[in-house]
C-alpha atoms as a PDB file:
ATOM      1  CA  MET A   1      70.010 130.609  70.540  1.00  0.00           C
ATOM      2  CA  ILE A   2      73.968 130.821  69.893  1.00  0.00           C
ATOM      3  CA  ARG A   3      76.299 133.687  71.722  1.00  0.00           C
ATOM      4  CA  GLU A   4      79.057 135.307  69.848  1.00  0.00           C
ATOM      5  CA  ILE A   5      81.969 134.940  71.971  1.00  0.00           C
ATOM      6  CA  PRO A   6      84.752 137.525  71.180  1.00  0.00           C
ATOM      7  CA  ALA A   7      88.155 135.698  69.332  1.00  0.00           C
ATOM      8  CA  ASP A   8      90.320 137.871  72.399  1.00  0.00           C
ATOM      9  CA  ALA A   9      87.820 136.237  75.054  1.00  0.00           C
ATOM     10  CA  GLY A  10      90.204 133.970  77.682  1.00  0.00           C
ATOM     11  CA  LEU A  11      89.033 130.528  79.820  1.00  0.00           C
ATOM     12  CA  LEU A  12      88.120 132.122  82.689  1.00  0.00           C
ATOM     13  CA  PRO A  13      85.351 134.549  83.435  1.00  0.00           C
ATOM     14  CA  GLY A  14      87.546 137.708  84.735  1.00  0.00           C
ATOM     15  CA  GLN A  15      90.904 138.204  85.888  1.00  0.00           C
ATOM     16  CA  ALA A  16      92.814 135.528  86.625  1.00  0.00           C
ATOM     17  CA  ASP A  17      94.342 136.317  90.552  1.00  0.00           C
ATOM     18  CA  LEU A  18      96.833 135.048  92.671  1.00  0.00           C
ATOM     19  CA  PHE A  19      93.846 132.157  93.998  1.00  0.00           C
ATOM     20  CA  THR A  20      92.863 130.785  90.549  1.00  0.00           C
ATOM     21  CA  TYR A  21      96.888 130.530  89.875  1.00  0.00           C
ATOM     22  CA  LEU A  22      96.861 128.685  93.897  1.00  0.00           C
ATOM     23  CA  ALA A  23      94.011 126.637  93.069  1.00  0.00           C
ATOM     24  CA  PHE A  24      95.333 125.320  89.458  1.00  0.00           C
ATOM     25  CA  VAL A  25      98.684 124.489  91.377  1.00  0.00           C
ATOM     26  CA  PHE A  26      96.451 122.019  94.392  1.00  0.00           C
ATOM     27  CA  LEU A  27      95.106 120.711  91.241  1.00  0.00           C
ATOM     28  CA  ILE A  28      98.054 119.598  89.512  1.00  0.00           C
ATOM     29  CA  VAL A  29      99.766 118.412  92.977  1.00  0.00           C
ATOM     30  CA  ALA A  30      96.372 116.058  93.893  1.00  0.00           C
ATOM     31  CA  ILE A  31      96.544 114.721  90.192  1.00  0.00           C
ATOM     32  CA  VAL A  32     100.182 113.854  91.241  1.00  0.00           C
ATOM     33  CA  ALA A  33      99.980 112.643  94.710  1.00  0.00           C
ATOM     34  CA  ILE A  34      96.617 110.498  93.427  1.00  0.00           C
ATOM     35  CA  PHE A  35      98.583 108.569  90.819  1.00  0.00           C
ATOM     36  CA  SER A  36     101.181 108.500  93.352  1.00  0.00           C
ATOM     37  CA  LEU A  37      99.399 106.415  95.335  1.00  0.00           C
ATOM     38  CA  ILE A  38      97.992 104.168  92.596  1.00  0.00           C
ATOM     39  CA  LEU A  39     101.500 103.327  91.277  1.00  0.00           C
ATOM     40  CA  TRP A  40     102.620 102.314  95.042  1.00  0.00           C
ATOM     41  CA  ILE A  41      99.825 100.309  95.217  1.00  0.00           C
ATOM     42  CA  LEU A  42     100.422  98.322  92.329  1.00  0.00           C
ATOM     43  CA  GLY A  43     103.929  98.171  93.023  1.00  0.00           C
ATOM     44  CA  LEU A  44     103.011  96.619  96.653  1.00  0.00           C
ATOM     45  CA  PRO A  45     102.826  93.239  95.933  1.00  0.00           C
ATOM     46  CA  GLY A  46     106.450  93.168  93.800  1.00  0.00           C
ATOM     47  CA  LYS A  47     107.954  94.902  97.147  1.00  0.00           C
ATOM     48  CA  ILE A  48     106.186  92.399  99.425  1.00  0.00           C
ATOM     49  CA  ALA A  49     107.487  89.182  96.970  1.00  0.00           C
ATOM     50  CA  VAL A  50     111.378  90.686  96.797  1.00  0.00           C
ATOM     51  CA  GLN A  51     111.286  91.373 101.128  1.00  0.00           C
ATOM     52  CA  ARG A  52     110.410  87.648 101.225  1.00  0.00           C
ATOM     53  CA  ARG A  53     113.080  86.548  98.318  1.00  0.00           C
ATOM     54  CA  HIS A  54     109.706  84.527  96.295  1.00  0.00           C
ATOM     55  CA  PRO A  55     111.191  82.578  94.161  1.00  0.00           C
ATOM     56  CA  HIS A  56     108.523  84.395  91.087  1.00  0.00           C
ATOM     57  CA  ALA A  57     109.628  87.050  92.060  1.00  0.00           C
ATOM     58  CA  GLN A  58     109.285  88.926  89.112  1.00  0.00           C
ATOM     59  CA  THR A  59     106.074  88.040  88.111  1.00  0.00           C
ATOM     60  CA  VAL A  60     104.761  88.912  90.797  1.00  0.00           C
ATOM     61  CA  ARG A  61     105.575  92.529  90.468  1.00  0.00           C
ATOM     62  CA  LEU A  62     104.743  92.730  86.731  1.00  0.00           C
ATOM     63  CA  MET A  63     101.000  91.365  87.645  1.00  0.00           C
ATOM     64  CA  GLY A  64     100.262  93.220  90.308  1.00  0.00           C
ATOM     65  CA  TYR A  65     101.329  96.258  88.099  1.00  0.00           C
ATOM     66  CA  ALA A  66      98.571  94.537  85.752  1.00  0.00           C
ATOM     67  CA  GLY A  67      96.292  95.372  88.251  1.00  0.00           C
ATOM     68  CA  ALA A  68      95.584  98.930  86.839  1.00  0.00           C
ATOM     69  CA  LEU A  69      93.932  97.090  83.857  1.00  0.00           C
ATOM     70  CA  ALA A  70      92.043  94.964  86.098  1.00  0.00           C
ATOM     71  CA  VAL A  71      91.292  94.507  89.750  1.00  0.00           C
ATOM     72  CA  ILE A  72      91.497  90.841  89.968  1.00  0.00           C
ATOM     73  CA  PRO A  73      95.469  90.131  89.009  1.00  0.00           C
ATOM     74  CA  TRP A  74      96.260  92.994  91.311  1.00  0.00           C
ATOM     75  CA  ILE A  75      94.749  90.935  93.533  1.00  0.00           C
ATOM     76  CA  HIS A  76      95.615  87.483  92.675  1.00  0.00           C
ATOM     77  CA  ALA A  77      99.489  89.315  92.921  1.00  0.00           C
ATOM     78  CA  PHE A  78      98.852  90.255  96.205  1.00  0.00           C
ATOM     79  CA  ILE A  79      97.699  86.540  97.413  1.00  0.00           C
ATOM     80  CA  TRP A  80     100.778  85.104  95.289  1.00  0.00           C
ATOM     81  CA  ALA A  81     103.161  87.385  96.982  1.00  0.00           C
ATOM     82  CA  TYR A  82     102.284  85.888 100.722  1.00  0.00           C
ATOM     83  CA  HIS A  83     102.011  82.606  99.307  1.00  0.00           C
ATOM     84  CA  ASP A  84     105.630  80.824 100.094  1.00  0.00           C
ATOM     85  CA  SER A  85     105.056  78.223  96.664  1.00  0.00           C
ATOM     86  CA  LEU A  86     107.796  75.296  97.405  1.00  0.00           C
ATOM     87  CA  THR A  87     109.377  75.390  93.615  1.00  0.00           C
ATOM     88  CA  VAL A  88     111.045  72.614  92.953  1.00  0.00           C
ATOM     89  CA  ASP A  89     113.229  73.052  90.787  1.00  0.00           C
ATOM     90  CA  ILE A  90     114.642  69.822  89.736  1.00  0.00           C
ATOM     91  CA  ARG A  91     117.388  71.933  87.392  1.00  0.00           C
ATOM     92  CA  ARG A  92     119.482  72.867  90.325  1.00  0.00           C
ATOM     93  CA  PHE A  93     119.987  71.847  94.315  1.00  0.00           C
ATOM     94  CA  PRO A  94     118.696  73.942  97.454  1.00  0.00           C
ATOM     95  CA  LYS A  95     121.537  75.835  97.843  1.00  0.00           C
ATOM     96  CA  GLU A  96     121.960  76.680  94.026  1.00  0.00           C
ATOM     97  CA  GLU A  97     117.759  77.575  94.014  1.00  0.00           C
ATOM     98  CA  ASP A  98     118.673  79.932  96.632  1.00  0.00           C
ATOM     99  CA  GLU A  99     121.476  81.773  95.482  1.00  0.00           C
ATOM    100  CA  ALA A 100     119.746  81.907  91.666  1.00  0.00           C
ATOM    101  CA  ILE A 101     116.516  83.368  93.813  1.00  0.00           C
ATOM    102  CA  ASP A 102     119.314  86.108  95.351  1.00  0.00           C
ATOM    103  CA  LYS A 103     120.709  86.825  91.994  1.00  0.00           C
ATOM    104  CA  GLU A 104     117.521  87.370  90.324  1.00  0.00           C
ATOM    105  CA  ILE A 105     116.336  89.606  93.680  1.00  0.00           C
ATOM    106  CA  ALA A 106     119.514  92.012  93.517  1.00  0.00           C
ATOM    107  CA  GLU A 107     118.813  92.191  89.355  1.00  0.00           C
ATOM    108  CA  MET A 108     115.298  93.548  90.102  1.00  0.00           C
ATOM    109  CA  THR A 109     116.322  96.066  93.327  1.00  0.00           C
ATOM    110  CA  GLY A 110     119.545  97.211  91.708  1.00  0.00           C
ATOM    111  CA  GLU A 111     121.316  96.009  94.636  1.00  0.00           C
ATOM    112  CA  ASP A 112     125.283  94.434  94.186  1.00  0.00           C
ATOM    113  CA  LYS A 113     124.615  90.783  95.216  1.00  0.00           C
ATOM    114  CA  ASP A 114     128.033  90.442  96.943  1.00  0.00           C
ATOM    115  CA  LYS A 115     127.245  93.250  98.885  1.00  0.00           C
ATOM    116  CA  LYS A 116     126.430  92.676 102.735  1.00  0.00           C
ATOM    117  CA  THR A 117     122.265  93.015 103.109  1.00  0.00           C
ATOM    118  CA  PRO A 118     120.353  93.115 105.538  1.00  0.00           C
ATOM    119  CA  ALA A 119     118.676  89.831 107.071  1.00  0.00           C
ATOM    120  CA  LYS A 120     116.162  88.254 105.306  1.00  0.00           C
ATOM    121  CA  ALA A 121     112.464  87.941 105.868  1.00  0.00           C
ATOM    122  CA  GLU A 122     112.568  84.189 107.044  1.00  0.00           C
ATOM    123  CA  ILE A 123     109.634  82.259 105.863  1.00  0.00           C
ATOM    124  CA  ASP A 124     107.526  79.880 107.410  1.00  0.00           C
ATOM    125  CA  ARG A 125     108.200  76.018 106.101  1.00  0.00           C
ATOM    126  CA  PRO A 126     105.729  73.043 106.878  1.00  0.00           C
ATOM    127  CA  THR A 127     107.792  70.832 109.356  1.00  0.00           C
ATOM    128  CA  ARG A 128     107.665  66.772 108.670  1.00  0.00           C
ATOM    129  CA  LEU A 129     105.870  64.844 111.562  1.00  0.00           C
ATOM    130  CA  PRO A 130     108.332  62.732 113.160  1.00  0.00           C
ATOM    131  CA  ASP A 131     107.786  59.374 112.213  1.00  0.00           C
ATOM    132  CA  PRO A 132     105.904  57.096 114.984  1.00  0.00           C
ATOM    133  CA  ALA A 133     107.693  53.671 113.618  1.00  0.00           C
ATOM    134  CA  GLY A 134     111.467  55.029 113.708  1.00  0.00           C
ATOM    135  CA  GLU A 135     111.032  56.809 117.234  1.00  0.00           C
ATOM    136  CA  THR A 136     110.350  53.604 118.697  1.00  0.00           C
ATOM    137  CA  GLY A 137     112.878  51.274 116.445  1.00  0.00           C
ATOM    138  CA  ALA A 138     110.711  49.054 115.702  1.00  0.00           C
ATOM    139  CA  THR A 139     109.639  47.884 111.981  1.00  0.00           C
ATOM    140  CA  THR A 140     106.946  46.784 110.517  1.00  0.00           C
ATOM    141  CA  ALA A 141     107.157  44.005 108.388  1.00  0.00           C
END
């Protein structure tokens, strides 16, 4: 059977008291906290890439937020943020490339490029093994 509901009936059964309002406030705070946590986690690869001065920091950041649509791009962005891509840009020499990366990261973070910034994170780069022939002075013919 269909029960008729009066037009002046409220959504809550009975009178709303202090605990009802506190429950609504708690619910709203919990929803905001959960969304904030999700956004923080999605932005984590971008923050790591900026801190490590990754040459593709902007792309890593965007890919991290694309992880909201699927998990795989976020995982890829997280791994990519730690991967030291030895990108060689033939348009610039290494010093100019470092300056371009600093400028791009300064634009992303809103910092002043000329302002003295804290020490940058050191990135482990592969070292070249010594040439055995060069150490002894012997040459192969």
